[in-house]
């Protein structure tokens, strides 16, 4: 399950870096993780 789920973590970051420069990539990664952290936030509940 981890091997499969890892694909989105790694490739999501790589896709962002494909599209944006260094500091902008950090900003976009921040926005993405801010949004998708909602799922892990409610996951334990």
ModelCIF file with pLDDT and N, C-alpha, C, O atoms, coordinates in Angstrom:
data_MODEL
#
_entry.id   MODEL 
#
_entity.id                         1 
_entity.type                       polymer 
_entity.pdbx_number_of_molecules   1 
#
_entity_poly.entity_id                      1 
_entity_poly.type                           'polypeptide(L)' 
_entity_poly.nstd_linkage                   no 
_entity_poly.nstd_monomer                   no 
_entity_poly.pdbx_seq_one_letter_code       
;(UNK)(UNK)(UNK)(UNK)(UNK)(UNK)(UNK)(UNK)(UNK)(UNK)(UNK)(UNK)(UNK)(UNK)(UNK)(UNK)
(UNK)(UNK)(UNK)(UNK)(UNK)(UNK)(UNK)(UNK)(UNK)(UNK)(UNK)(UNK)(UNK)(UNK)(UNK)(UNK)
(UNK)(UNK)(UNK)(UNK)(UNK)(UNK)(UNK)(UNK)(UNK)(UNK)(UNK)(UNK)(UNK)
;
_entity_poly.pdbx_seq_one_letter_code_can   XXXXXXXXXXXXXXXXXXXXXXXXXXXXXXXXXXXXXXXXXXXXX 
_entity_poly.pdbx_strand_id                 A 
#
loop_
_entity_poly_seq.entity_id 
_entity_poly_seq.num 
_entity_poly_seq.mon_id 
_entity_poly_seq.hetero 
1 1  UNK n 
1 2  UNK n 
1 3  UNK n 
1 4  UNK n 
1 5  UNK n 
1 6  UNK n 
1 7  UNK n 
1 8  UNK n 
1 9  UNK n 
1 10 UNK n 
1 11 UNK n 
1 12 UNK n 
1 13 UNK n 
1 14 UNK n 
1 15 UNK n 
1 16 UNK n 
1 17 UNK n 
1 18 UNK n 
1 19 UNK n 
1 20 UNK n 
1 21 UNK n 
1 22 UNK n 
1 23 UNK n 
1 24 UNK n 
1 25 UNK n 
1 26 UNK n 
1 27 UNK n 
1 28 UNK n 
1 29 UNK n 
1 30 UNK n 
1 31 UNK n 
1 32 UNK n 
1 33 UNK n 
1 34 UNK n 
1 35 UNK n 
1 36 UNK n 
1 37 UNK n 
1 38 UNK n 
1 39 UNK n 
1 40 UNK n 
1 41 UNK n 
1 42 UNK n 
1 43 UNK n 
1 44 UNK n 
1 45 UNK n 
#
_struct_asym.id          A 
_struct_asym.entity_id   1 
#
loop_
_ma_qa_metric.id 
_ma_qa_metric.mode 
_ma_qa_metric.name 
_ma_qa_metric.software_group_id 
_ma_qa_metric.type 
1 global pLDDT . pLDDT 
2 local  pLDDT . pLDDT 
#
_ma_qa_metric_global.metric_id      1 
_ma_qa_metric_global.metric_value   74.00 
_ma_qa_metric_global.model_id       1 
_ma_qa_metric_global.ordinal_id     1 
#
loop_
_ma_qa_metric_local.label_asym_id 
_ma_qa_metric_local.label_comp_id 
_ma_qa_metric_local.label_seq_id 
_ma_qa_metric_local.metric_id 
_ma_qa_metric_local.metric_value 
_ma_qa_metric_local.model_id 
_ma_qa_metric_local.ordinal_id 
A UNK 1  2 96.00 1 1  
A UNK 2  2 93.00 1 2  
A UNK 3  2 94.00 1 3  
A UNK 4  2 94.00 1 4  
A UNK 5  2 91.00 1 5  
A UNK 6  2 89.00 1 6  
A UNK 7  2 90.00 1 7  
A UNK 8  2 87.00 1 8  
A UNK 9  2 82.00 1 9  
A UNK 10 2 79.00 1 10 
A UNK 11 2 85.00 1 11 
A UNK 12 2 80.00 1 12 
A UNK 13 2 74.00 1 13 
A UNK 14 2 76.00 1 14 
A UNK 15 2 80.00 1 15 
A UNK 16 2 76.00 1 16 
A UNK 17 2 71.00 1 17 
A UNK 18 2 74.00 1 18 
A UNK 19 2 74.00 1 19 
A UNK 20 2 73.00 1 20 
A UNK 21 2 68.00 1 21 
A UNK 22 2 62.00 1 22 
A UNK 23 2 62.00 1 23 
A UNK 24 2 68.00 1 24 
A UNK 25 2 67.00 1 25 
A UNK 26 2 64.00 1 26 
A UNK 27 2 66.00 1 27 
A UNK 28 2 71.00 1 28 
A UNK 29 2 68.00 1 29 
A UNK 30 2 64.00 1 30 
A UNK 31 2 65.00 1 31 
A UNK 32 2 69.00 1 32 
A UNK 33 2 64.00 1 33 
A UNK 34 2 61.00 1 34 
A UNK 35 2 58.00 1 35 
A UNK 36 2 59.00 1 36 
A UNK 37 2 60.00 1 37 
A UNK 38 2 64.00 1 38 
A UNK 39 2 68.00 1 39 
A UNK 40 2 64.00 1 40 
A UNK 41 2 67.00 1 41 
A UNK 42 2 75.00 1 42 
A UNK 43 2 80.00 1 43 
A UNK 44 2 79.00 1 44 
A UNK 45 2 79.00 1 45 
#
loop_
_atom_site.group_PDB 
_atom_site.id 
_atom_site.type_symbol 
_atom_site.label_atom_id 
_atom_site.label_alt_id 
_atom_site.label_comp_id 
_atom_site.label_asym_id 
_atom_site.label_entity_id 
_atom_site.label_seq_id 
_atom_site.pdbx_PDB_ins_code 
_atom_site.Cartn_x 
_atom_site.Cartn_y 
_atom_site.Cartn_z 
_atom_site.occupancy 
_atom_site.B_iso_or_equiv 
_atom_site.pdbx_formal_charge 
_atom_site.auth_seq_id 
_atom_site.auth_comp_id 
_atom_site.auth_asym_id 
_atom_site.auth_atom_id 
_atom_site.pdbx_PDB_model_num 
ATOM 1   N N  . UNK A 1 1  ? 0.829   -1.203 0.000   1.00 96.00 ? 1  UNK A N  1 
ATOM 2   C CA . UNK A 1 1  ? 0.000   0.000  0.000   1.00 96.00 ? 1  UNK A CA 1 
ATOM 3   C C  . UNK A 1 1  ? 0.863   1.253  0.000   1.00 96.00 ? 1  UNK A C  1 
ATOM 4   O O  . UNK A 1 1  ? 0.561   2.230  -0.685  1.00 96.00 ? 1  UNK A O  1 
ATOM 5   N N  . UNK A 1 2  ? 1.944   1.212  0.780   1.00 93.00 ? 2  UNK A N  1 
ATOM 6   C CA . UNK A 1 2  ? 2.864   2.353  0.837   1.00 93.00 ? 2  UNK A CA 1 
ATOM 7   C C  . UNK A 1 2  ? 3.546   2.578  -0.501  1.00 93.00 ? 2  UNK A C  1 
ATOM 8   O O  . UNK A 1 2  ? 3.699   3.718  -0.940  1.00 93.00 ? 2  UNK A O  1 
ATOM 9   N N  . UNK A 1 3  ? 3.960   1.483  -1.159  1.00 94.00 ? 3  UNK A N  1 
ATOM 10  C CA . UNK A 1 3  ? 4.618   1.600  -2.468  1.00 94.00 ? 3  UNK A CA 1 
ATOM 11  C C  . UNK A 1 3  ? 3.682   2.282  -3.467  1.00 94.00 ? 3  UNK A C  1 
ATOM 12  O O  . UNK A 1 3  ? 4.114   3.134  -4.243  1.00 94.00 ? 3  UNK A O  1 
ATOM 13  N N  . UNK A 1 4  ? 2.416   1.910  -3.446  1.00 94.00 ? 4  UNK A N  1 
ATOM 14  C CA . UNK A 1 4  ? 1.465   2.545  -4.351  1.00 94.00 ? 4  UNK A CA 1 
ATOM 15  C C  . UNK A 1 4  ? 1.153   3.974  -3.968  1.00 94.00 ? 4  UNK A C  1 
ATOM 16  O O  . UNK A 1 4  ? 1.149   4.857  -4.826  1.00 94.00 ? 4  UNK A O  1 
ATOM 17  N N  . UNK A 1 5  ? 0.891   4.220  -2.693  1.00 91.00 ? 5  UNK A N  1 
ATOM 18  C CA . UNK A 1 5  ? 0.535   5.564  -2.247  1.00 91.00 ? 5  UNK A CA 1 
ATOM 19  C C  . UNK A 1 5  ? 1.664   6.556  -2.368  1.00 91.00 ? 5  UNK A C  1 
ATOM 20  O O  . UNK A 1 5  ? 1.429   7.762  -2.449  1.00 91.00 ? 5  UNK A O  1 
ATOM 21  N N  . UNK A 1 6  ? 2.897   6.058  -2.380  1.00 89.00 ? 6  UNK A N  1 
ATOM 22  C CA . UNK A 1 6  ? 4.059   6.933  -2.495  1.00 89.00 ? 6  UNK A CA 1 
ATOM 23  C C  . UNK A 1 6  ? 4.095   7.674  -3.823  1.00 89.00 ? 6  UNK A C  1 
ATOM 24  O O  . UNK A 1 6  ? 4.680   8.754  -3.910  1.00 89.00 ? 6  UNK A O  1 
ATOM 25  N N  . UNK A 1 7  ? 3.484   7.115  -4.849  1.00 90.00 ? 7  UNK A N  1 
ATOM 26  C CA . UNK A 1 7  ? 3.568   7.709  -6.186  1.00 90.00 ? 7  UNK A CA 1 
ATOM 27  C C  . UNK A 1 7  ? 3.064   9.147  -6.203  1.00 90.00 ? 7  UNK A C  1 
ATOM 28  O O  . UNK A 1 7  ? 3.679   10.012 -6.828  1.00 90.00 ? 7  UNK A O  1 
ATOM 29  N N  . UNK A 1 8  ? 1.958   9.409  -5.526  1.00 87.00 ? 8  UNK A N  1 
ATOM 30  C CA . UNK A 1 8  ? 1.412   10.761 -5.517  1.00 87.00 ? 8  UNK A CA 1 
ATOM 31  C C  . UNK A 1 8  ? 2.281   11.746 -4.765  1.00 87.00 ? 8  UNK A C  1 
ATOM 32  O O  . UNK A 1 8  ? 2.383   12.910 -5.152  1.00 87.00 ? 8  UNK A O  1 
ATOM 33  N N  . UNK A 1 9  ? 2.914   11.284 -3.683  1.00 82.00 ? 9  UNK A N  1 
ATOM 34  C CA . UNK A 1 9  ? 3.764   12.168 -2.884  1.00 82.00 ? 9  UNK A CA 1 
ATOM 35  C C  . UNK A 1 9  ? 4.966   12.633 -3.706  1.00 82.00 ? 9  UNK A C  1 
ATOM 36  O O  . UNK A 1 9  ? 5.236   13.831 -3.798  1.00 82.00 ? 9  UNK A O  1 
ATOM 37  N N  . UNK A 1 10 ? 5.681   11.683 -4.301  1.00 79.00 ? 10 UNK A N  1 
ATOM 38  C CA . UNK A 1 10 ? 6.894   12.012 -5.056  1.00 79.00 ? 10 UNK A CA 1 
ATOM 39  C C  . UNK A 1 10 ? 6.573   12.760 -6.335  1.00 79.00 ? 10 UNK A C  1 
ATOM 40  O O  . UNK A 1 10 ? 7.164   13.802 -6.622  1.00 79.00 ? 10 UNK A O  1 
ATOM 41  N N  . UNK A 1 11 ? 5.635   12.225 -7.103  1.00 85.00 ? 11 UNK A N  1 
ATOM 42  C CA . UNK A 1 11 ? 5.383   12.785 -8.425  1.00 85.00 ? 11 UNK A CA 1 
ATOM 43  C C  . UNK A 1 11 ? 4.628   14.105 -8.351  1.00 85.00 ? 11 UNK A C  1 
ATOM 44  O O  . UNK A 1 11 ? 4.746   14.934 -9.252  1.00 85.00 ? 11 UNK A O  1 
ATOM 45  N N  . UNK A 1 12 ? 3.855   14.310 -7.289  1.00 80.00 ? 12 UNK A N  1 
ATOM 46  C CA . UNK A 1 12 ? 3.227   15.615 -7.105  1.00 80.00 ? 12 UNK A CA 1 
ATOM 47  C C  . UNK A 1 12 ? 4.268   16.711 -6.973  1.00 80.00 ? 12 UNK A C  1 
ATOM 48  O O  . UNK A 1 12 ? 4.141   17.775 -7.580  1.00 80.00 ? 12 UNK A O  1 
ATOM 49  N N  . UNK A 1 13 ? 5.316   16.447 -6.166  1.00 74.00 ? 13 UNK A N  1 
ATOM 50  C CA . UNK A 1 13 ? 6.396   17.421 -6.010  1.00 74.00 ? 13 UNK A CA 1 
ATOM 51  C C  . UNK A 1 13 ? 7.151   17.616 -7.314  1.00 74.00 ? 13 UNK A C  1 
ATOM 52  O O  . UNK A 1 13 ? 7.474   18.744 -7.686  1.00 74.00 ? 13 UNK A O  1 
ATOM 53  N N  . UNK A 1 14 ? 7.435   16.505 -8.018  1.00 76.00 ? 14 UNK A N  1 
ATOM 54  C CA . UNK A 1 14 ? 8.188   16.614 -9.265  1.00 76.00 ? 14 UNK A CA 1 
ATOM 55  C C  . UNK A 1 14 ? 7.399   17.391 -10.318 1.00 76.00 ? 14 UNK A C  1 
ATOM 56  O O  . UNK A 1 14 ? 7.976   18.170 -11.076 1.00 76.00 ? 14 UNK A O  1 
ATOM 57  N N  . UNK A 1 15 ? 6.084   17.183 -10.366 1.00 80.00 ? 15 UNK A N  1 
ATOM 58  C CA . UNK A 1 15 ? 5.245   17.909 -11.319 1.00 80.00 ? 15 UNK A CA 1 
ATOM 59  C C  . UNK A 1 15 ? 5.278   19.405 -11.021 1.00 80.00 ? 15 UNK A C  1 
ATOM 60  O O  . UNK A 1 15 ? 5.367   20.224 -11.935 1.00 80.00 ? 15 UNK A O  1 
ATOM 61  N N  . UNK A 1 16 ? 5.204   19.759 -9.731  1.00 76.00 ? 16 UNK A N  1 
ATOM 62  C CA . UNK A 1 16 ? 5.287   21.176 -9.357  1.00 76.00 ? 16 UNK A CA 1 
ATOM 63  C C  . UNK A 1 16 ? 6.613   21.767 -9.809  1.00 76.00 ? 16 UNK A C  1 
ATOM 64  O O  . UNK A 1 16 ? 6.655   22.882 -10.329 1.00 76.00 ? 16 UNK A O  1 
ATOM 65  N N  . UNK A 1 17 ? 7.707   21.016 -9.610  1.00 71.00 ? 17 UNK A N  1 
ATOM 66  C CA . UNK A 1 17 ? 9.017   21.530 -10.013 1.00 71.00 ? 17 UNK A CA 1 
ATOM 67  C C  . UNK A 1 17 ? 9.145   21.595 -11.530 1.00 71.00 ? 17 UNK A C  1 
ATOM 68  O O  . UNK A 1 17 ? 9.897   22.418 -12.051 1.00 71.00 ? 17 UNK A O  1 
ATOM 69  N N  . UNK A 1 18 ? 8.416   20.733 -12.248 1.00 74.00 ? 18 UNK A N  1 
ATOM 70  C CA . UNK A 1 18 ? 8.391   20.831 -13.711 1.00 74.00 ? 18 UNK A CA 1 
ATOM 71  C C  . UNK A 1 18 ? 7.813   22.167 -14.160 1.00 74.00 ? 18 UNK A C  1 
ATOM 72  O O  . UNK A 1 18 ? 8.217   22.722 -15.182 1.00 74.00 ? 18 UNK A O  1 
ATOM 73  N N  . UNK A 1 19 ? 6.865   22.673 -13.385 1.00 74.00 ? 19 UNK A N  1 
ATOM 74  C CA . UNK A 1 19 ? 6.067   23.808 -13.826 1.00 74.00 ? 19 UNK A CA 1 
ATOM 75  C C  . UNK A 1 19 ? 6.519   25.147 -13.262 1.00 74.00 ? 19 UNK A C  1 
ATOM 76  O O  . UNK A 1 19 ? 6.213   26.188 -13.844 1.00 74.00 ? 19 UNK A O  1 
ATOM 77  N N  . UNK A 1 20 ? 7.250   25.147 -12.131 1.00 73.00 ? 20 UNK A N  1 
ATOM 78  C CA . UNK A 1 20 ? 7.565   26.396 -11.444 1.00 73.00 ? 20 UNK A CA 1 
ATOM 79  C C  . UNK A 1 20 ? 9.038   26.457 -11.061 1.00 73.00 ? 20 UNK A C  1 
ATOM 80  O O  . UNK A 1 20 ? 9.700   25.429 -10.915 1.00 73.00 ? 20 UNK A O  1 
ATOM 81  N N  . UNK A 1 21 ? 9.541   27.683 -10.899 1.00 68.00 ? 21 UNK A N  1 
ATOM 82  C CA . UNK A 1 21 ? 10.904  27.893 -10.449 1.00 68.00 ? 21 UNK A CA 1 
ATOM 83  C C  . UNK A 1 21 ? 11.005  27.685 -8.939  1.00 68.00 ? 21 UNK A C  1 
ATOM 84  O O  . UNK A 1 21 ? 10.003  27.418 -8.275  1.00 68.00 ? 21 UNK A O  1 
ATOM 85  N N  . UNK A 1 22 ? 12.233  27.809 -8.395  1.00 62.00 ? 22 UNK A N  1 
ATOM 86  C CA . UNK A 1 22 ? 12.566  27.373 -7.035  1.00 62.00 ? 22 UNK A CA 1 
ATOM 87  C C  . UNK A 1 22 ? 11.646  27.942 -5.961  1.00 62.00 ? 22 UNK A C  1 
ATOM 88  O O  . UNK A 1 22 ? 10.948  27.181 -5.291  1.00 62.00 ? 22 UNK A O  1 
ATOM 89  N N  . UNK A 1 23 ? 11.627  29.259 -5.782  1.00 62.00 ? 23 UNK A N  1 
ATOM 90  C CA . UNK A 1 23 ? 10.826  29.850 -4.708  1.00 62.00 ? 23 UNK A CA 1 
ATOM 91  C C  . UNK A 1 23 ? 9.339   29.700 -4.983  1.00 62.00 ? 23 UNK A C  1 
ATOM 92  O O  . UNK A 1 23 ? 8.561   29.467 -4.058  1.00 62.00 ? 23 UNK A O  1 
ATOM 93  N N  . UNK A 1 24 ? 8.931   29.832 -6.245  1.00 68.00 ? 24 UNK A N  1 
ATOM 94  C CA . UNK A 1 24 ? 7.530   29.632 -6.595  1.00 68.00 ? 24 UNK A CA 1 
ATOM 95  C C  . UNK A 1 24 ? 7.124   28.185 -6.362  1.00 68.00 ? 24 UNK A C  1 
ATOM 96  O O  . UNK A 1 24 ? 5.990   27.918 -5.965  1.00 68.00 ? 24 UNK A O  1 
ATOM 97  N N  . UNK A 1 25 ? 8.044   27.240 -6.605  1.00 67.00 ? 25 UNK A N  1 
ATOM 98  C CA . UNK A 1 25 ? 7.748   25.830 -6.329  1.00 67.00 ? 25 UNK A CA 1 
ATOM 99  C C  . UNK A 1 25 ? 7.498   25.615 -4.847  1.00 67.00 ? 25 UNK A C  1 
ATOM 100 O O  . UNK A 1 25 ? 6.585   24.879 -4.473  1.00 67.00 ? 25 UNK A O  1 
ATOM 101 N N  . UNK A 1 26 ? 8.311   26.257 -3.987  1.00 64.00 ? 26 UNK A N  1 
ATOM 102 C CA . UNK A 1 26 ? 8.085   26.150 -2.538  1.00 64.00 ? 26 UNK A CA 1 
ATOM 103 C C  . UNK A 1 26 ? 6.716   26.690 -2.165  1.00 64.00 ? 26 UNK A C  1 
ATOM 104 O O  . UNK A 1 26 ? 6.012   26.115 -1.334  1.00 64.00 ? 26 UNK A O  1 
ATOM 105 N N  . UNK A 1 27 ? 6.345   27.806 -2.791  1.00 66.00 ? 27 UNK A N  1 
ATOM 106 C CA . UNK A 1 27 ? 5.031   28.389 -2.524  1.00 66.00 ? 27 UNK A CA 1 
ATOM 107 C C  . UNK A 1 27 ? 3.912   27.446 -2.949  1.00 66.00 ? 27 UNK A C  1 
ATOM 108 O O  . UNK A 1 27 ? 2.953   27.251 -2.202  1.00 66.00 ? 27 UNK A O  1 
ATOM 109 N N  . UNK A 1 28 ? 4.023   26.857 -4.140  1.00 71.00 ? 28 UNK A N  1 
ATOM 110 C CA . UNK A 1 28 ? 2.982   25.959 -4.630  1.00 71.00 ? 28 UNK A CA 1 
ATOM 111 C C  . UNK A 1 28 ? 2.905   24.677 -3.807  1.00 71.00 ? 28 UNK A C  1 
ATOM 112 O O  . UNK A 1 28 ? 1.814   24.174 -3.539  1.00 71.00 ? 28 UNK A O  1 
ATOM 113 N N  . UNK A 1 29 ? 4.065   24.145 -3.403  1.00 68.00 ? 29 UNK A N  1 
ATOM 114 C CA . UNK A 1 29 ? 4.061   22.966 -2.535  1.00 68.00 ? 29 UNK A CA 1 
ATOM 115 C C  . UNK A 1 29 ? 3.366   23.291 -1.221  1.00 68.00 ? 29 UNK A C  1 
ATOM 116 O O  . UNK A 1 29 ? 2.636   22.466 -0.670  1.00 68.00 ? 29 UNK A O  1 
ATOM 117 N N  . UNK A 1 30 ? 3.602   24.516 -0.721  1.00 64.00 ? 30 UNK A N  1 
ATOM 118 C CA . UNK A 1 30 ? 2.919   24.933 0.503   1.00 64.00 ? 30 UNK A CA 1 
ATOM 119 C C  . UNK A 1 30 ? 1.417   24.976 0.340   1.00 64.00 ? 30 UNK A C  1 
ATOM 120 O O  . UNK A 1 30 ? 0.684   24.504 1.209   1.00 64.00 ? 30 UNK A O  1 
ATOM 121 N N  . UNK A 1 31 ? 0.946   25.539 -0.765  1.00 65.00 ? 31 UNK A N  1 
ATOM 122 C CA . UNK A 1 31 ? -0.497  25.593 -1.005  1.00 65.00 ? 31 UNK A CA 1 
ATOM 123 C C  . UNK A 1 31 ? -1.094  24.200 -1.176  1.00 65.00 ? 31 UNK A C  1 
ATOM 124 O O  . UNK A 1 31 ? -2.179  23.916 -0.670  1.00 65.00 ? 31 UNK A O  1 
ATOM 125 N N  . UNK A 1 32 ? -0.375  23.331 -1.895  1.00 69.00 ? 32 UNK A N  1 
ATOM 126 C CA . UNK A 1 32 ? -0.889  21.981 -2.106  1.00 69.00 ? 32 UNK A CA 1 
ATOM 127 C C  . UNK A 1 32 ? -0.998  21.234 -0.788  1.00 69.00 ? 32 UNK A C  1 
ATOM 128 O O  . UNK A 1 32 ? -2.028  20.625 -0.501  1.00 69.00 ? 32 UNK A O  1 
ATOM 129 N N  . UNK A 1 33 ? 0.061   21.276 0.016   1.00 64.00 ? 33 UNK A N  1 
ATOM 130 C CA . UNK A 1 33 ? 0.024   20.550 1.279   1.00 64.00 ? 33 UNK A CA 1 
ATOM 131 C C  . UNK A 1 33 ? -0.952  21.175 2.260   1.00 64.00 ? 33 UNK A C  1 
ATOM 132 O O  . UNK A 1 33 ? -1.518  20.467 3.093   1.00 64.00 ? 33 UNK A O  1 
ATOM 133 N N  . UNK A 1 34 ? -1.163  22.486 2.183   1.00 61.00 ? 34 UNK A N  1 
ATOM 134 C CA . UNK A 1 34 ? -2.174  23.107 3.030   1.00 61.00 ? 34 UNK A CA 1 
ATOM 135 C C  . UNK A 1 34 ? -3.547  22.550 2.700   1.00 61.00 ? 34 UNK A C  1 
ATOM 136 O O  . UNK A 1 34 ? -4.356  22.305 3.596   1.00 61.00 ? 34 UNK A O  1 
ATOM 137 N N  . UNK A 1 35 ? -3.811  22.349 1.415   1.00 58.00 ? 35 UNK A N  1 
ATOM 138 C CA . UNK A 1 35 ? -5.122  21.857 1.017   1.00 58.00 ? 35 UNK A CA 1 
ATOM 139 C C  . UNK A 1 35 ? -5.271  20.368 1.316   1.00 58.00 ? 35 UNK A C  1 
ATOM 140 O O  . UNK A 1 35 ? -6.279  19.947 1.884   1.00 58.00 ? 35 UNK A O  1 
ATOM 141 N N  . UNK A 1 36 ? -4.249  19.548 0.927   1.00 59.00 ? 36 UNK A N  1 
ATOM 142 C CA . UNK A 1 36 ? -4.444  18.111 1.119   1.00 59.00 ? 36 UNK A CA 1 
ATOM 143 C C  . UNK A 1 36 ? -4.242  17.661 2.550   1.00 59.00 ? 36 UNK A C  1 
ATOM 144 O O  . UNK A 1 36 ? -4.521  16.506 2.871   1.00 59.00 ? 36 UNK A O  1 
ATOM 145 N N  . UNK A 1 37 ? -3.761  18.545 3.428   1.00 60.00 ? 37 UNK A N  1 
ATOM 146 C CA . UNK A 1 37 ? -3.666  18.176 4.838   1.00 60.00 ? 37 UNK A CA 1 
ATOM 147 C C  . UNK A 1 37 ? -5.047  18.046 5.476   1.00 60.00 ? 37 UNK A C  1 
ATOM 148 O O  . UNK A 1 37 ? -5.189  17.475 6.557   1.00 60.00 ? 37 UNK A O  1 
ATOM 149 N N  . UNK A 1 38 ? -6.073  18.585 4.792   1.00 64.00 ? 38 UNK A N  1 
ATOM 150 C CA . UNK A 1 38 ? -7.430  18.410 5.301   1.00 64.00 ? 38 UNK A CA 1 
ATOM 151 C C  . UNK A 1 38 ? -7.805  16.932 5.375   1.00 64.00 ? 38 UNK A C  1 
ATOM 152 O O  . UNK A 1 38 ? -8.521  16.520 6.287   1.00 64.00 ? 38 UNK A O  1 
ATOM 153 N N  . UNK A 1 39 ? -7.327  16.136 4.425   1.00 68.00 ? 39 UNK A N  1 
ATOM 154 C CA . UNK A 1 39 ? -7.641  14.700 4.449   1.00 68.00 ? 39 UNK A CA 1 
ATOM 155 C C  . UNK A 1 39 ? -6.978  14.004 5.637   1.00 68.00 ? 39 UNK A C  1 
ATOM 156 O O  . UNK A 1 39 ? -7.668  13.308 6.382   1.00 68.00 ? 39 UNK A O  1 
ATOM 157 N N  . UNK A 1 40 ? -5.651  14.165 5.848   1.00 64.00 ? 40 UNK A N  1 
ATOM 158 C CA . UNK A 1 40 ? -5.064  13.567 7.044   1.00 64.00 ? 40 UNK A CA 1 
ATOM 159 C C  . UNK A 1 40 ? -5.606  14.154 8.345   1.00 64.00 ? 40 UNK A C  1 
ATOM 160 O O  . UNK A 1 40 ? -5.566  13.494 9.383   1.00 64.00 ? 40 UNK A O  1 
ATOM 161 N N  . UNK A 1 41 ? -6.112  15.384 8.301   1.00 67.00 ? 41 UNK A N  1 
ATOM 162 C CA . UNK A 1 41 ? -6.652  15.988 9.514   1.00 67.00 ? 41 UNK A CA 1 
ATOM 163 C C  . UNK A 1 41 ? -7.880  15.232 9.994   1.00 67.00 ? 41 UNK A C  1 
ATOM 164 O O  . UNK A 1 41 ? -8.020  14.962 11.187  1.00 67.00 ? 41 UNK A O  1 
ATOM 165 N N  . UNK A 1 42 ? -8.764  14.893 9.073   1.00 75.00 ? 42 UNK A N  1 
ATOM 166 C CA . UNK A 1 42 ? -9.983  14.188 9.467   1.00 75.00 ? 42 UNK A CA 1 
ATOM 167 C C  . UNK A 1 42 ? -9.797  12.676 9.451   1.00 75.00 ? 42 UNK A C  1 
ATOM 168 O O  . UNK A 1 42 ? -10.658 11.942 9.936   1.00 75.00 ? 42 UNK A O  1 
ATOM 169 N N  . UNK A 1 43 ? -8.661  12.194 8.888   1.00 80.00 ? 43 UNK A N  1 
ATOM 170 C CA . UNK A 1 43 ? -8.462  10.752 8.756   1.00 80.00 ? 43 UNK A CA 1 
ATOM 171 C C  . UNK A 1 43 ? -8.478  10.018 10.090  1.00 80.00 ? 43 UNK A C  1 
ATOM 172 O O  . UNK A 1 43 ? -9.154  8.995  10.193  1.00 80.00 ? 43 UNK A O  1 
ATOM 173 N N  . UNK A 1 44 ? -7.758  10.491 11.134  1.00 79.00 ? 44 UNK A N  1 
ATOM 174 C CA . UNK A 1 44 ? -7.825  9.755  12.403  1.00 79.00 ? 44 UNK A CA 1 
ATOM 175 C C  . UNK A 1 44 ? -9.228  9.730  12.998  1.00 79.00 ? 44 UNK A C  1 
ATOM 176 O O  . UNK A 1 44 ? -9.624  8.738  13.609  1.00 79.00 ? 44 UNK A O  1 
ATOM 177 N N  . UNK A 1 45 ? -9.983  10.814 12.823  1.00 79.00 ? 45 UNK A N  1 
ATOM 178 C CA . UNK A 1 45 ? -11.357 10.825 13.324  1.00 79.00 ? 45 UNK A CA 1 
ATOM 179 C C  . UNK A 1 45 ? -12.211 9.821  12.547  1.00 79.00 ? 45 UNK A C  1 
ATOM 180 O O  . UNK A 1 45 ? -13.403 9.682  12.821  1.00 79.00 ? 45 UNK A O  1 
#
